[in-house]
Amino acid sequence: MAGLDRLILIVDDDAVFASTLMRSLARLGVQAAVAHNRGEALALASQHLFSDVVLDLNLGEQSGLALLEPLRAALPNANLLMLTGYASIATTVQAIKLGADNYLAKPTTTAAILRALDQDASPDPIDVAQSDVPMSVSRLEWEHIQRVLAEHQGNVSATARALNMHRRTLQRKLCKRPVGR
């Protein structure tokens, strides 16, 4: 889609990232608006016909996953891209099931975001997990934690109980970046 035909809603609680992305898009001739939380995002979605939405997975204390269905209802024809610094197969699958058109891990570039908005979801996350190279034990642990966390709607205490793990241990593991395959 050409730059002037496109209006992008950026939903991210990181004000620096959101404003940097908005400026970068403006340099490419793409208009954008920024929301930093659920309320702002839904208010903007009801006021403007956005062609695309770039949504962060973690919005402070809120999950961007919970915002996917209301945004899809408000903007049924928009391309919804989920961004996250903590990509996992479980959250990718959940985001796609809830209405995201694509999923992209941070850090990323403006060009990569625009490419992701212009295409359907990346290769099926389940296919990625079944590649010829087995995942490391650390990556398997990360994926399992993310799946259980998603099953408990991001509730760290409930996830820790389900994993039979101390809450603070789980919090430490969640603060780390995901390991490679």
N, C-alpha and C. Protein backbone atom coordinates (compact mmCIF):
# COMPACT_ATOMS: atom_id res chain seq x y z
N MET A 1 0.84 -1.18 0.00
CA MET A 1 0.00 0.00 0.00
C MET A 1 0.89 1.24 0.00
N ALA A 2 0.58 2.20 -0.80
CA ALA A 2 1.37 3.42 -0.89
C ALA A 2 1.31 4.20 0.41
N GLY A 3 2.34 5.00 0.66
CA GLY A 3 2.46 5.73 1.90
C GLY A 3 1.28 6.63 2.22
N LEU A 4 0.80 7.39 1.22
CA LEU A 4 -0.27 8.35 1.49
C LEU A 4 -1.63 7.69 1.67
N ASP A 5 -1.78 6.44 1.23
CA ASP A 5 -3.05 5.73 1.38
C ASP A 5 -3.13 5.03 2.73
N ARG A 6 -2.08 5.10 3.47
CA ARG A 6 -1.94 4.29 4.68
C ARG A 6 -2.03 5.17 5.92
N LEU A 7 -2.78 4.71 6.91
CA LEU A 7 -2.84 5.36 8.21
C LEU A 7 -2.63 4.27 9.25
N ILE A 8 -1.54 4.39 10.00
CA ILE A 8 -1.14 3.34 10.94
C ILE A 8 -1.37 3.80 12.38
N LEU A 9 -1.97 2.90 13.17
CA LEU A 9 -2.11 3.12 14.60
C LEU A 9 -0.99 2.35 15.29
N ILE A 10 -0.17 3.05 16.05
CA ILE A 10 0.92 2.44 16.82
C ILE A 10 0.46 2.38 18.26
N VAL A 11 0.39 1.18 18.82
CA VAL A 11 -0.03 1.01 20.21
C VAL A 11 1.15 0.42 20.96
N ASP A 12 1.82 1.27 21.74
CA ASP A 12 3.01 0.84 22.47
C ASP A 12 3.18 1.73 23.69
N ASP A 13 3.45 1.14 24.85
CA ASP A 13 3.62 1.93 26.05
C ASP A 13 5.00 2.57 26.13
N ASP A 14 5.92 2.16 25.28
CA ASP A 14 7.25 2.75 25.22
C ASP A 14 7.18 4.01 24.35
N ALA A 15 7.10 5.16 25.00
CA ALA A 15 6.91 6.43 24.29
C ALA A 15 8.05 6.71 23.32
N VAL A 16 9.26 6.36 23.68
CA VAL A 16 10.41 6.62 22.81
C VAL A 16 10.30 5.77 21.54
N PHE A 17 10.02 4.48 21.69
CA PHE A 17 9.88 3.60 20.53
C PHE A 17 8.75 4.09 19.64
N ALA A 18 7.60 4.39 20.24
CA ALA A 18 6.42 4.80 19.46
C ALA A 18 6.68 6.09 18.68
N SER A 19 7.29 7.08 19.32
CA SER A 19 7.54 8.35 18.63
C SER A 19 8.62 8.19 17.56
N THR A 20 9.62 7.36 17.83
CA THR A 20 10.67 7.11 16.83
C THR A 20 10.07 6.42 15.61
N LEU A 21 9.21 5.43 15.84
CA LEU A 21 8.56 4.74 14.72
C LEU A 21 7.66 5.69 13.94
N MET A 22 6.93 6.53 14.65
CA MET A 22 6.05 7.48 13.99
C MET A 22 6.85 8.46 13.12
N ARG A 23 7.97 8.97 13.62
CA ARG A 23 8.82 9.87 12.83
C ARG A 23 9.42 9.16 11.63
N SER A 24 9.83 7.93 11.83
CA SER A 24 10.41 7.15 10.73
C SER A 24 9.37 6.89 9.64
N LEU A 25 8.15 6.60 10.03
CA LEU A 25 7.07 6.40 9.06
C LEU A 25 6.76 7.70 8.33
N ALA A 26 6.77 8.82 9.06
CA ALA A 26 6.49 10.13 8.44
C ALA A 26 7.52 10.45 7.37
N ARG A 27 8.80 10.10 7.61
CA ARG A 27 9.84 10.33 6.61
C ARG A 27 9.57 9.53 5.34
N LEU A 28 8.83 8.43 5.47
CA LEU A 28 8.49 7.60 4.31
C LEU A 28 7.13 8.00 3.71
N GLY A 29 6.54 9.06 4.26
CA GLY A 29 5.26 9.52 3.74
C GLY A 29 4.06 8.77 4.29
N VAL A 30 4.25 8.06 5.40
CA VAL A 30 3.17 7.28 6.00
C VAL A 30 2.67 8.01 7.25
N GLN A 31 1.36 8.24 7.31
CA GLN A 31 0.77 8.88 8.48
C GLN A 31 0.56 7.86 9.58
N ALA A 32 0.75 8.29 10.83
CA ALA A 32 0.57 7.40 11.97
C ALA A 32 0.06 8.18 13.16
N ALA A 33 -0.61 7.47 14.05
CA ALA A 33 -1.05 8.01 15.33
C ALA A 33 -0.57 7.04 16.40
N VAL A 34 -0.38 7.56 17.61
CA VAL A 34 0.16 6.74 18.69
C VAL A 34 -0.83 6.68 19.85
N ALA A 35 -0.97 5.48 20.40
CA ALA A 35 -1.72 5.25 21.63
C ALA A 35 -0.78 4.50 22.57
N HIS A 36 -0.84 4.84 23.85
CA HIS A 36 0.06 4.20 24.80
C HIS A 36 -0.63 3.17 25.69
N ASN A 37 -1.96 3.05 25.57
CA ASN A 37 -2.68 2.08 26.39
C ASN A 37 -3.98 1.68 25.70
N ARG A 38 -4.71 0.79 26.31
CA ARG A 38 -5.94 0.23 25.75
C ARG A 38 -6.98 1.32 25.48
N GLY A 39 -7.20 2.18 26.44
CA GLY A 39 -8.22 3.23 26.29
C GLY A 39 -7.93 4.16 25.13
N GLU A 40 -6.69 4.61 25.04
CA GLU A 40 -6.30 5.50 23.93
C GLU A 40 -6.44 4.79 22.59
N ALA A 41 -6.03 3.52 22.54
CA ALA A 41 -6.09 2.76 21.29
C ALA A 41 -7.53 2.61 20.81
N LEU A 42 -8.42 2.24 21.71
CA LEU A 42 -9.82 2.04 21.31
C LEU A 42 -10.49 3.36 20.95
N ALA A 43 -10.12 4.43 21.63
CA ALA A 43 -10.68 5.75 21.30
C ALA A 43 -10.24 6.17 19.89
N LEU A 44 -8.96 6.02 19.59
CA LEU A 44 -8.47 6.36 18.25
C LEU A 44 -9.08 5.46 17.18
N ALA A 45 -9.23 4.17 17.50
CA ALA A 45 -9.81 3.23 16.53
C ALA A 45 -11.26 3.56 16.21
N SER A 46 -11.96 4.16 17.16
CA SER A 46 -13.36 4.54 16.91
C SER A 46 -13.46 5.85 16.14
N GLN A 47 -12.39 6.65 16.13
CA GLN A 47 -12.42 7.96 15.49
C GLN A 47 -11.83 7.96 14.08
N HIS A 48 -10.94 7.01 13.77
CA HIS A 48 -10.23 6.99 12.49
C HIS A 48 -10.31 5.62 11.85
N LEU A 49 -10.23 5.59 10.55
CA LEU A 49 -10.22 4.33 9.81
C LEU A 49 -8.77 3.98 9.49
N PHE A 50 -8.13 3.29 10.41
CA PHE A 50 -6.72 2.92 10.24
C PHE A 50 -6.61 1.75 9.27
N SER A 51 -5.61 1.81 8.41
CA SER A 51 -5.36 0.70 7.49
C SER A 51 -4.53 -0.39 8.16
N ASP A 52 -3.75 0.00 9.18
CA ASP A 52 -2.84 -0.93 9.85
C ASP A 52 -2.75 -0.58 11.33
N VAL A 53 -2.45 -1.60 12.13
CA VAL A 53 -2.22 -1.41 13.56
C VAL A 53 -0.94 -2.16 13.92
N VAL A 54 -0.03 -1.47 14.60
CA VAL A 54 1.18 -2.08 15.13
C VAL A 54 0.99 -2.09 16.64
N LEU A 55 0.86 -3.27 17.21
CA LEU A 55 0.48 -3.45 18.61
C LEU A 55 1.57 -4.18 19.38
N ASP A 56 2.00 -3.59 20.48
CA ASP A 56 3.01 -4.23 21.33
C ASP A 56 2.34 -5.29 22.19
N LEU A 57 3.03 -6.39 22.43
CA LEU A 57 2.49 -7.47 23.24
C LEU A 57 2.33 -7.04 24.70
N ASN A 58 3.32 -6.32 25.22
CA ASN A 58 3.26 -5.88 26.61
C ASN A 58 3.00 -4.39 26.68
N LEU A 59 1.84 -4.04 27.20
CA LEU A 59 1.45 -2.64 27.36
C LEU A 59 1.44 -2.32 28.85
N GLY A 60 2.62 -2.17 29.42
CA GLY A 60 2.71 -1.94 30.86
C GLY A 60 2.18 -3.15 31.60
N GLU A 61 1.15 -2.96 32.39
CA GLU A 61 0.54 -4.04 33.14
C GLU A 61 -0.48 -4.82 32.32
N GLN A 62 -0.77 -4.35 31.13
CA GLN A 62 -1.78 -4.99 30.27
C GLN A 62 -1.10 -5.82 29.19
N SER A 63 -1.86 -6.75 28.64
CA SER A 63 -1.37 -7.56 27.54
C SER A 63 -1.99 -7.06 26.24
N GLY A 64 -1.16 -6.90 25.23
CA GLY A 64 -1.66 -6.51 23.92
C GLY A 64 -2.58 -7.58 23.33
N LEU A 65 -2.43 -8.83 23.78
CA LEU A 65 -3.30 -9.90 23.30
C LEU A 65 -4.77 -9.60 23.61
N ALA A 66 -5.03 -9.00 24.77
CA ALA A 66 -6.40 -8.68 25.16
C ALA A 66 -6.99 -7.56 24.30
N LEU A 67 -6.15 -6.85 23.59
CA LEU A 67 -6.60 -5.73 22.76
C LEU A 67 -6.85 -6.16 21.31
N LEU A 68 -6.40 -7.34 20.93
CA LEU A 68 -6.55 -7.78 19.55
C LEU A 68 -8.01 -7.88 19.11
N GLU A 69 -8.84 -8.56 19.89
CA GLU A 69 -10.24 -8.74 19.49
C GLU A 69 -11.01 -7.41 19.41
N PRO A 70 -10.89 -6.51 20.40
CA PRO A 70 -11.59 -5.23 20.27
C PRO A 70 -11.10 -4.39 19.09
N LEU A 71 -9.79 -4.43 18.81
CA LEU A 71 -9.27 -3.70 17.66
C LEU A 71 -9.75 -4.32 16.35
N ARG A 72 -9.81 -5.65 16.30
CA ARG A 72 -10.31 -6.32 15.10
C ARG A 72 -11.78 -5.97 14.87
N ALA A 73 -12.55 -5.86 15.97
CA ALA A 73 -13.96 -5.50 15.85
C ALA A 73 -14.11 -4.05 15.38
N ALA A 74 -13.28 -3.17 15.90
CA ALA A 74 -13.36 -1.75 15.54
C ALA A 74 -12.80 -1.47 14.14
N LEU A 75 -11.79 -2.24 13.74
CA LEU A 75 -11.12 -2.04 12.46
C LEU A 75 -11.05 -3.37 11.70
N PRO A 76 -12.19 -3.87 11.22
CA PRO A 76 -12.22 -5.21 10.63
C PRO A 76 -11.32 -5.40 9.41
N ASN A 77 -11.01 -4.34 8.68
CA ASN A 77 -10.20 -4.47 7.47
C ASN A 77 -8.73 -4.09 7.67
N ALA A 78 -8.37 -3.71 8.88
CA ALA A 78 -6.99 -3.30 9.15
C ALA A 78 -6.07 -4.51 9.26
N ASN A 79 -4.82 -4.30 8.89
CA ASN A 79 -3.78 -5.31 9.11
C ASN A 79 -3.27 -5.13 10.53
N LEU A 80 -3.33 -6.19 11.34
CA LEU A 80 -2.89 -6.12 12.72
C LEU A 80 -1.56 -6.84 12.87
N LEU A 81 -0.54 -6.11 13.31
CA LEU A 81 0.79 -6.66 13.51
C LEU A 81 1.13 -6.62 14.99
N MET A 82 1.44 -7.77 15.57
CA MET A 82 1.84 -7.85 16.97
C MET A 82 3.35 -7.77 17.03
N LEU A 83 3.87 -6.85 17.86
CA LEU A 83 5.31 -6.70 18.08
C LEU A 83 5.64 -7.12 19.50
N THR A 84 6.77 -7.76 19.68
CA THR A 84 7.18 -8.10 21.03
C THR A 84 8.69 -8.26 21.13
N GLY A 85 9.20 -7.93 22.28
CA GLY A 85 10.61 -8.16 22.57
C GLY A 85 10.83 -9.56 23.12
N TYR A 86 9.75 -10.28 23.40
CA TYR A 86 9.83 -11.61 24.00
C TYR A 86 9.02 -12.60 23.17
N ALA A 87 9.46 -12.84 21.96
CA ALA A 87 8.74 -13.72 21.05
C ALA A 87 8.80 -15.17 21.52
N SER A 88 7.68 -15.85 21.38
CA SER A 88 7.62 -17.27 21.67
C SER A 88 6.58 -17.89 20.75
N ILE A 89 6.68 -19.18 20.57
CA ILE A 89 5.72 -19.87 19.73
C ILE A 89 4.32 -19.75 20.32
N ALA A 90 4.20 -19.89 21.64
CA ALA A 90 2.88 -19.83 22.28
C ALA A 90 2.20 -18.49 22.06
N THR A 91 2.93 -17.39 22.25
CA THR A 91 2.29 -16.08 22.07
C THR A 91 2.04 -15.80 20.60
N THR A 92 2.88 -16.32 19.72
CA THR A 92 2.64 -16.15 18.29
C THR A 92 1.34 -16.83 17.89
N VAL A 93 1.18 -18.09 18.29
CA VAL A 93 -0.04 -18.83 17.97
C VAL A 93 -1.26 -18.14 18.55
N GLN A 94 -1.15 -17.71 19.81
CA GLN A 94 -2.29 -17.05 20.46
C GLN A 94 -2.64 -15.74 19.76
N ALA A 95 -1.63 -14.96 19.38
CA ALA A 95 -1.89 -13.69 18.71
C ALA A 95 -2.60 -13.91 17.37
N ILE A 96 -2.16 -14.90 16.61
CA ILE A 96 -2.79 -15.19 15.32
C ILE A 96 -4.22 -15.67 15.54
N LYS A 97 -4.44 -16.52 16.53
CA LYS A 97 -5.80 -17.00 16.83
C LYS A 97 -6.73 -15.86 17.23
N LEU A 98 -6.19 -14.87 17.92
CA LEU A 98 -7.02 -13.75 18.40
C LEU A 98 -7.23 -12.66 17.35
N GLY A 99 -6.61 -12.81 16.18
CA GLY A 99 -6.88 -11.86 15.11
C GLY A 99 -5.71 -11.12 14.52
N ALA A 100 -4.50 -11.34 15.03
CA ALA A 100 -3.34 -10.69 14.44
C ALA A 100 -3.08 -11.27 13.06
N ASP A 101 -2.68 -10.42 12.14
CA ASP A 101 -2.35 -10.88 10.79
C ASP A 101 -0.90 -11.31 10.70
N ASN A 102 -0.06 -10.77 11.57
CA ASN A 102 1.35 -11.11 11.56
C ASN A 102 1.94 -10.82 12.92
N TYR A 103 3.17 -11.28 13.13
CA TYR A 103 3.84 -11.21 14.41
C TYR A 103 5.31 -10.95 14.15
N LEU A 104 5.90 -10.01 14.86
CA LEU A 104 7.28 -9.64 14.60
C LEU A 104 8.00 -9.39 15.92
N ALA A 105 9.21 -9.92 16.03
CA ALA A 105 10.00 -9.74 17.24
C ALA A 105 10.80 -8.45 17.18
N LYS A 106 10.90 -7.76 18.31
CA LYS A 106 11.76 -6.60 18.45
C LYS A 106 13.15 -7.11 18.79
N PRO A 107 14.20 -6.40 18.53
CA PRO A 107 14.22 -5.13 17.80
C PRO A 107 13.96 -5.36 16.32
N THR A 108 13.39 -4.36 15.70
CA THR A 108 13.07 -4.46 14.29
C THR A 108 13.24 -3.10 13.64
N THR A 109 13.09 -3.07 12.34
CA THR A 109 13.22 -1.82 11.60
C THR A 109 11.87 -1.39 11.06
N THR A 110 11.79 -0.14 10.66
CA THR A 110 10.56 0.37 10.04
C THR A 110 10.27 -0.40 8.75
N ALA A 111 11.30 -0.69 7.99
CA ALA A 111 11.11 -1.44 6.74
C ALA A 111 10.55 -2.83 7.02
N ALA A 112 11.05 -3.49 8.06
CA ALA A 112 10.55 -4.82 8.41
C ALA A 112 9.10 -4.76 8.87
N ILE A 113 8.75 -3.71 9.60
CA ILE A 113 7.36 -3.53 10.04
C ILE A 113 6.45 -3.35 8.84
N LEU A 114 6.84 -2.51 7.90
CA LEU A 114 6.02 -2.29 6.71
C LEU A 114 5.90 -3.57 5.88
N ARG A 115 6.99 -4.33 5.77
CA ARG A 115 6.92 -5.61 5.04
C ARG A 115 5.96 -6.57 5.74
N ALA A 116 6.04 -6.63 7.06
CA ALA A 116 5.16 -7.53 7.82
C ALA A 116 3.70 -7.12 7.69
N LEU A 117 3.44 -5.82 7.60
CA LEU A 117 2.07 -5.34 7.43
C LEU A 117 1.53 -5.67 6.04
N ASP A 118 2.43 -5.79 5.08
CA ASP A 118 2.02 -6.04 3.70
C ASP A 118 1.89 -7.52 3.35
N GLN A 119 2.16 -8.38 4.30
CA GLN A 119 2.05 -9.81 4.01
C GLN A 119 1.25 -10.50 5.10
N ASP A 120 0.74 -11.69 4.76
CA ASP A 120 0.03 -12.49 5.75
C ASP A 120 1.04 -13.00 6.75
N ALA A 121 0.53 -13.69 7.74
CA ALA A 121 1.38 -14.20 8.82
C ALA A 121 2.59 -14.95 8.28
N SER A 122 3.68 -14.84 9.00
CA SER A 122 4.91 -15.54 8.66
C SER A 122 4.65 -17.03 8.64
N PRO A 123 5.64 -17.82 8.29
CA PRO A 123 5.42 -19.27 8.28
C PRO A 123 4.77 -19.72 9.58
N ASP A 124 3.91 -20.71 9.46
CA ASP A 124 3.18 -21.20 10.62
C ASP A 124 4.13 -21.47 11.77
N PRO A 125 3.86 -20.90 12.97
CA PRO A 125 4.77 -21.08 14.10
C PRO A 125 4.97 -22.54 14.47
N ILE A 126 3.97 -23.35 14.22
CA ILE A 126 4.11 -24.77 14.54
C ILE A 126 5.14 -25.39 13.60
N ASP A 127 5.15 -24.98 12.32
CA ASP A 127 6.15 -25.48 11.38
C ASP A 127 7.55 -25.06 11.80
N VAL A 128 7.69 -23.84 12.33
CA VAL A 128 8.98 -23.36 12.79
C VAL A 128 9.51 -24.26 13.89
N ALA A 129 8.63 -24.68 14.78
CA ALA A 129 9.04 -25.53 15.90
C ALA A 129 9.47 -26.91 15.43
N GLN A 130 9.04 -27.33 14.24
CA GLN A 130 9.34 -28.66 13.76
C GLN A 130 10.49 -28.66 12.76
N SER A 131 11.38 -27.69 12.85
CA SER A 131 12.51 -27.65 11.93
C SER A 131 13.47 -28.80 12.23
N ASP A 132 14.44 -28.98 11.34
CA ASP A 132 15.39 -30.08 11.48
C ASP A 132 16.33 -29.90 12.67
N VAL A 133 16.54 -28.67 13.10
CA VAL A 133 17.44 -28.40 14.22
C VAL A 133 16.63 -28.40 15.51
N PRO A 134 16.92 -29.33 16.42
CA PRO A 134 16.14 -29.37 17.67
C PRO A 134 16.43 -28.14 18.53
N MET A 135 15.42 -27.75 19.30
CA MET A 135 15.59 -26.61 20.20
C MET A 135 16.47 -27.00 21.37
N SER A 136 17.18 -26.01 21.89
CA SER A 136 17.99 -26.24 23.08
C SER A 136 17.07 -26.42 24.28
N VAL A 137 17.60 -26.98 25.35
CA VAL A 137 16.81 -27.17 26.57
C VAL A 137 16.35 -25.82 27.10
N SER A 138 17.21 -24.81 27.04
CA SER A 138 16.83 -23.47 27.51
C SER A 138 15.68 -22.90 26.70
N ARG A 139 15.73 -23.10 25.38
CA ARG A 139 14.65 -22.60 24.53
C ARG A 139 13.36 -23.36 24.78
N LEU A 140 13.45 -24.68 24.97
CA LEU A 140 12.26 -25.47 25.29
C LEU A 140 11.63 -25.00 26.59
N GLU A 141 12.47 -24.71 27.60
CA GLU A 141 11.95 -24.19 28.86
C GLU A 141 11.25 -22.86 28.63
N TRP A 142 11.86 -21.97 27.86
CA TRP A 142 11.27 -20.66 27.57
C TRP A 142 9.91 -20.83 26.90
N GLU A 143 9.84 -21.68 25.89
CA GLU A 143 8.59 -21.92 25.16
C GLU A 143 7.52 -22.49 26.09
N HIS A 144 7.90 -23.42 26.95
CA HIS A 144 6.94 -24.01 27.88
C HIS A 144 6.41 -22.96 28.85
N ILE A 145 7.30 -22.16 29.39
CA ILE A 145 6.87 -21.09 30.30
C ILE A 145 5.92 -20.13 29.59
N GLN A 146 6.24 -19.76 28.35
CA GLN A 146 5.38 -18.84 27.61
C GLN A 146 4.01 -19.45 27.34
N ARG A 147 3.97 -20.75 27.04
CA ARG A 147 2.69 -21.42 26.78
C ARG A 147 1.83 -21.44 28.04
N VAL A 148 2.44 -21.79 29.18
CA VAL A 148 1.70 -21.84 30.44
C VAL A 148 1.27 -20.43 30.84
N LEU A 149 2.12 -19.44 30.63
CA LEU A 149 1.77 -18.05 30.93
C LEU A 149 0.58 -17.61 30.09
N ALA A 150 0.58 -17.98 28.81
CA ALA A 150 -0.54 -17.63 27.94
C ALA A 150 -1.82 -18.33 28.39
N GLU A 151 -1.71 -19.58 28.83
CA GLU A 151 -2.88 -20.31 29.32
C GLU A 151 -3.49 -19.65 30.55
N HIS A 152 -2.67 -18.94 31.30
CA HIS A 152 -3.14 -18.25 32.52
C HIS A 152 -3.30 -16.75 32.30
N GLN A 153 -3.51 -16.36 31.03
CA GLN A 153 -3.76 -14.97 30.65
C GLN A 153 -2.74 -13.99 31.23
N GLY A 154 -1.48 -14.39 31.28
CA GLY A 154 -0.42 -13.50 31.73
C GLY A 154 -0.30 -13.38 33.24
N ASN A 155 -1.08 -14.13 33.99
CA ASN A 155 -1.03 -14.07 35.45
C ASN A 155 0.20 -14.83 35.93
N VAL A 156 1.19 -14.09 36.44
CA VAL A 156 2.46 -14.69 36.85
C VAL A 156 2.28 -15.61 38.06
N SER A 157 1.47 -15.22 39.02
CA SER A 157 1.26 -16.06 40.21
C SER A 157 0.62 -17.39 39.84
N ALA A 158 -0.42 -17.36 39.01
CA ALA A 158 -1.08 -18.59 38.60
C ALA A 158 -0.14 -19.46 37.77
N THR A 159 0.68 -18.83 36.94
CA THR A 159 1.64 -19.57 36.12
C THR A 159 2.68 -20.23 37.01
N ALA A 160 3.18 -19.51 38.01
CA ALA A 160 4.17 -20.07 38.93
C ALA A 160 3.58 -21.29 39.66
N ARG A 161 2.34 -21.18 40.10
CA ARG A 161 1.69 -22.33 40.77
C ARG A 161 1.57 -23.51 39.80
N ALA A 162 1.16 -23.24 38.58
CA ALA A 162 1.00 -24.32 37.59
C ALA A 162 2.33 -24.99 37.26
N LEU A 163 3.40 -24.22 37.28
CA LEU A 163 4.73 -24.77 36.99
C LEU A 163 5.43 -25.32 38.22
N ASN A 164 4.77 -25.18 39.39
CA ASN A 164 5.36 -25.59 40.66
C ASN A 164 6.71 -24.91 40.86
N MET A 165 6.69 -23.59 40.66
CA MET A 165 7.90 -22.78 40.69
C MET A 165 7.64 -21.57 41.60
N HIS A 166 8.67 -21.13 42.29
CA HIS A 166 8.52 -19.93 43.10
C HIS A 166 8.26 -18.73 42.19
N ARG A 167 7.37 -17.85 42.61
CA ARG A 167 6.97 -16.70 41.78
C ARG A 167 8.17 -15.84 41.38
N ARG A 168 9.08 -15.58 42.33
CA ARG A 168 10.24 -14.73 42.02
C ARG A 168 11.19 -15.40 41.03
N THR A 169 11.31 -16.72 41.11
CA THR A 169 12.13 -17.44 40.14
C THR A 169 11.54 -17.29 38.75
N LEU A 170 10.22 -17.43 38.66
CA LEU A 170 9.54 -17.26 37.37
C LEU A 170 9.72 -15.83 36.86
N GLN A 171 9.58 -14.85 37.74
CA GLN A 171 9.76 -13.46 37.32
C GLN A 171 11.16 -13.22 36.77
N ARG A 172 12.18 -13.79 37.39
CA ARG A 172 13.55 -13.66 36.90
C ARG A 172 13.68 -14.27 35.51
N LYS A 173 13.08 -15.44 35.32
CA LYS A 173 13.14 -16.09 34.01
C LYS A 173 12.41 -15.28 32.95
N LEU A 174 11.32 -14.64 33.32
CA LEU A 174 10.55 -13.84 32.37
C LEU A 174 11.26 -12.54 32.00
N CYS A 175 12.12 -12.05 32.86
CA CYS A 175 12.84 -10.81 32.57
C CYS A 175 13.97 -11.02 31.57
N LYS A 176 14.37 -12.26 31.38
CA LYS A 176 15.46 -12.55 30.45
C LYS A 176 14.92 -12.59 29.03
N ARG A 177 15.78 -12.30 28.09
CA ARG A 177 15.44 -12.42 26.66
C ARG A 177 15.37 -13.90 26.31
N PRO A 178 14.52 -14.25 25.35
CA PRO A 178 14.48 -15.66 24.95
C PRO A 178 15.80 -16.09 24.33
N VAL A 179 16.16 -17.31 24.59
CA VAL A 179 17.40 -17.84 24.02
C VAL A 179 17.14 -18.30 22.60
N GLY A 180 18.20 -18.41 21.82
CA GLY A 180 18.06 -18.91 20.45
C GLY A 180 17.70 -20.38 20.46
N ARG A 181 17.53 -20.91 19.28
CA ARG A 181 17.15 -22.32 19.14
C ARG A 181 18.14 -23.17 19.84
